[in-house]
Amino acid sequence: MANTTVEQFSEEREKLNRTVMEYAGLTTKRFFGLDSQAYRAGALPCKTKELLGLVASLVLRCDDCITYHMVRCHEEGVTSQELEEALSIGLVVGGSITIPHLRRAWRTWHELQRA
């Protein structure tokens, strides 16, 4: 059976992160650490932080980031209704230029729901 889009993305991301870390200096390592720390539960639960990251990624139109946060939202138990509300905020803030990214986000969600 062929890998799904999400599986391919996850495998490539993991491989590329290993490559980055082979060459990473202190600044890169600290940035990666800060990113991990920011998404840990605190005053806001992980689920909320992933939705915030997703909306920011949609507005910034970063498909890799959108896919990553869609996977994390799925892992954190975000419902389709919660996701729709969050993505609609991103659409309102980002405007119609985000629609192609919105389409790909929902394609990813559809795949995750079928897994």
Protein backbone atom coordinates (compact mmCIF):
# COMPACT_ATOMS: atom_id res chain seq x y z
CA MET A 1 0.00 0.00 0.00
CA ALA A 2 1.36 3.44 -0.94
CA ASN A 3 2.12 5.99 1.75
CA THR A 4 -0.52 8.62 2.34
CA THR A 5 0.22 12.31 1.90
CA VAL A 6 0.41 12.72 5.68
CA GLU A 7 2.74 9.73 6.04
CA GLN A 8 5.00 11.06 3.29
CA PHE A 9 5.04 14.50 4.89
CA SER A 10 5.86 13.10 8.34
CA GLU A 11 8.65 10.88 7.04
CA GLU A 12 10.24 13.66 5.01
CA ARG A 13 9.93 16.17 7.89
CA GLU A 14 11.62 13.76 10.30
CA LYS A 15 14.42 13.03 7.83
CA LEU A 16 15.00 16.70 7.07
CA ASN A 17 14.98 17.63 10.76
CA ARG A 18 17.72 15.03 11.37
CA THR A 19 19.74 16.59 8.54
CA VAL A 20 19.24 20.10 9.94
CA MET A 21 20.43 18.93 13.36
CA GLU A 22 23.60 17.43 11.82
CA TYR A 23 24.63 20.92 10.82
CA ALA A 24 22.82 22.99 13.45
CA GLY A 25 24.68 25.50 15.53
CA LEU A 26 23.58 26.85 18.87
CA THR A 27 21.13 29.39 17.41
CA THR A 28 19.27 26.79 15.35
CA LYS A 29 19.18 24.33 18.24
CA ARG A 30 17.86 27.00 20.58
CA PHE A 31 15.19 28.02 18.09
CA PHE A 32 14.01 24.42 17.68
CA GLY A 33 13.95 24.09 21.48
CA LEU A 34 11.97 27.32 21.86
CA ASP A 35 9.46 26.11 19.28
CA SER A 36 8.96 22.85 21.18
CA GLN A 37 8.64 24.67 24.50
CA ALA A 38 6.06 27.14 23.17
CA TYR A 39 3.63 24.36 22.24
CA ARG A 40 3.76 22.58 25.61
CA ALA A 41 0.74 22.84 27.89
CA GLY A 42 0.76 25.85 30.17
CA ALA A 43 -1.94 28.42 30.84
CA LEU A 44 -3.27 27.33 27.44
CA PRO A 45 -3.71 23.63 26.69
CA CYS A 46 -1.77 22.05 23.81
CA LYS A 47 -4.97 21.77 21.79
CA THR A 48 -5.49 25.54 21.88
CA LYS A 49 -1.86 26.24 21.06
CA GLU A 50 -2.00 23.93 18.03
CA LEU A 51 -5.12 25.74 16.77
CA LEU A 52 -3.33 29.07 17.22
CA GLY A 53 -0.32 27.74 15.31
CA LEU A 54 -2.62 26.47 12.58
CA VAL A 55 -4.36 29.82 12.15
CA ALA A 56 -1.04 31.67 12.04
CA SER A 57 0.28 29.17 9.49
CA LEU A 58 -2.81 29.60 7.31
CA VAL A 59 -2.47 33.38 7.37
CA LEU A 60 1.25 33.08 6.55
CA ARG A 61 0.40 30.54 3.83
CA CYS A 62 2.94 27.92 4.89
CA ASP A 63 1.68 24.54 3.65
CA ASP A 64 4.29 22.54 5.58
CA CYS A 65 3.32 24.34 8.79
CA ILE A 66 -0.38 23.88 8.07
CA THR A 67 0.08 20.14 7.54
CA TYR A 68 2.14 19.82 10.71
CA HIS A 69 -0.47 21.65 12.80
CA MET A 70 -3.33 19.69 11.20
CA VAL A 71 -1.64 16.46 12.29
CA ARG A 72 -1.03 17.85 15.77
CA CYS A 73 -4.63 19.10 16.02
CA HIS A 74 -5.82 15.62 15.13
CA GLU A 75 -3.53 14.12 17.77
CA GLU A 76 -4.82 16.61 20.36
CA GLY A 77 -8.44 15.63 19.70
CA VAL A 78 -9.62 18.74 17.89
CA THR A 79 -13.09 18.21 16.44
CA SER A 80 -14.07 19.07 12.89
CA GLN A 81 -16.31 21.81 14.27
CA GLU A 82 -13.48 23.35 16.31
CA LEU A 83 -11.21 23.14 13.30
CA GLU A 84 -13.78 24.82 11.05
CA GLU A 85 -14.14 27.73 13.46
CA ALA A 86 -10.39 28.18 13.78
CA LEU A 87 -9.79 27.96 10.02
CA SER A 88 -12.59 30.44 9.37
CA ILE A 89 -10.76 32.95 11.60
CA GLY A 90 -7.64 32.38 9.48
CA LEU A 91 -9.67 32.90 6.33
CA VAL A 92 -11.16 36.16 7.60
CA VAL A 93 -7.76 37.47 8.73
CA GLY A 94 -5.80 36.19 5.73
CA GLY A 95 -8.38 36.82 3.02
CA SER A 96 -9.12 34.98 -0.18
CA ILE A 97 -5.42 34.38 -0.91
CA THR A 98 -5.53 31.71 1.82
CA ILE A 99 -8.22 29.67 0.05
CA PRO A 100 -5.80 27.31 -1.78
CA HIS A 101 -4.11 26.61 1.56
CA LEU A 102 -7.50 26.12 3.20
CA ARG A 103 -8.34 23.52 0.56
CA ARG A 104 -5.14 21.61 1.24
CA ALA A 105 -5.74 21.84 4.99
CA TRP A 106 -9.16 20.22 4.62
CA ARG A 107 -7.69 17.57 2.31
CA THR A 108 -5.22 16.71 5.08
CA TRP A 109 -8.00 16.63 7.68
CA HIS A 110 -10.07 14.36 5.45
CA GLU A 111 -7.13 11.98 5.19
CA LEU A 112 -6.53 12.05 8.94
CA GLN A 113 -10.19 11.31 9.64
CA ARG A 114 -10.03 8.26 7.35
CA ALA A 115 -6.87 6.84 8.94
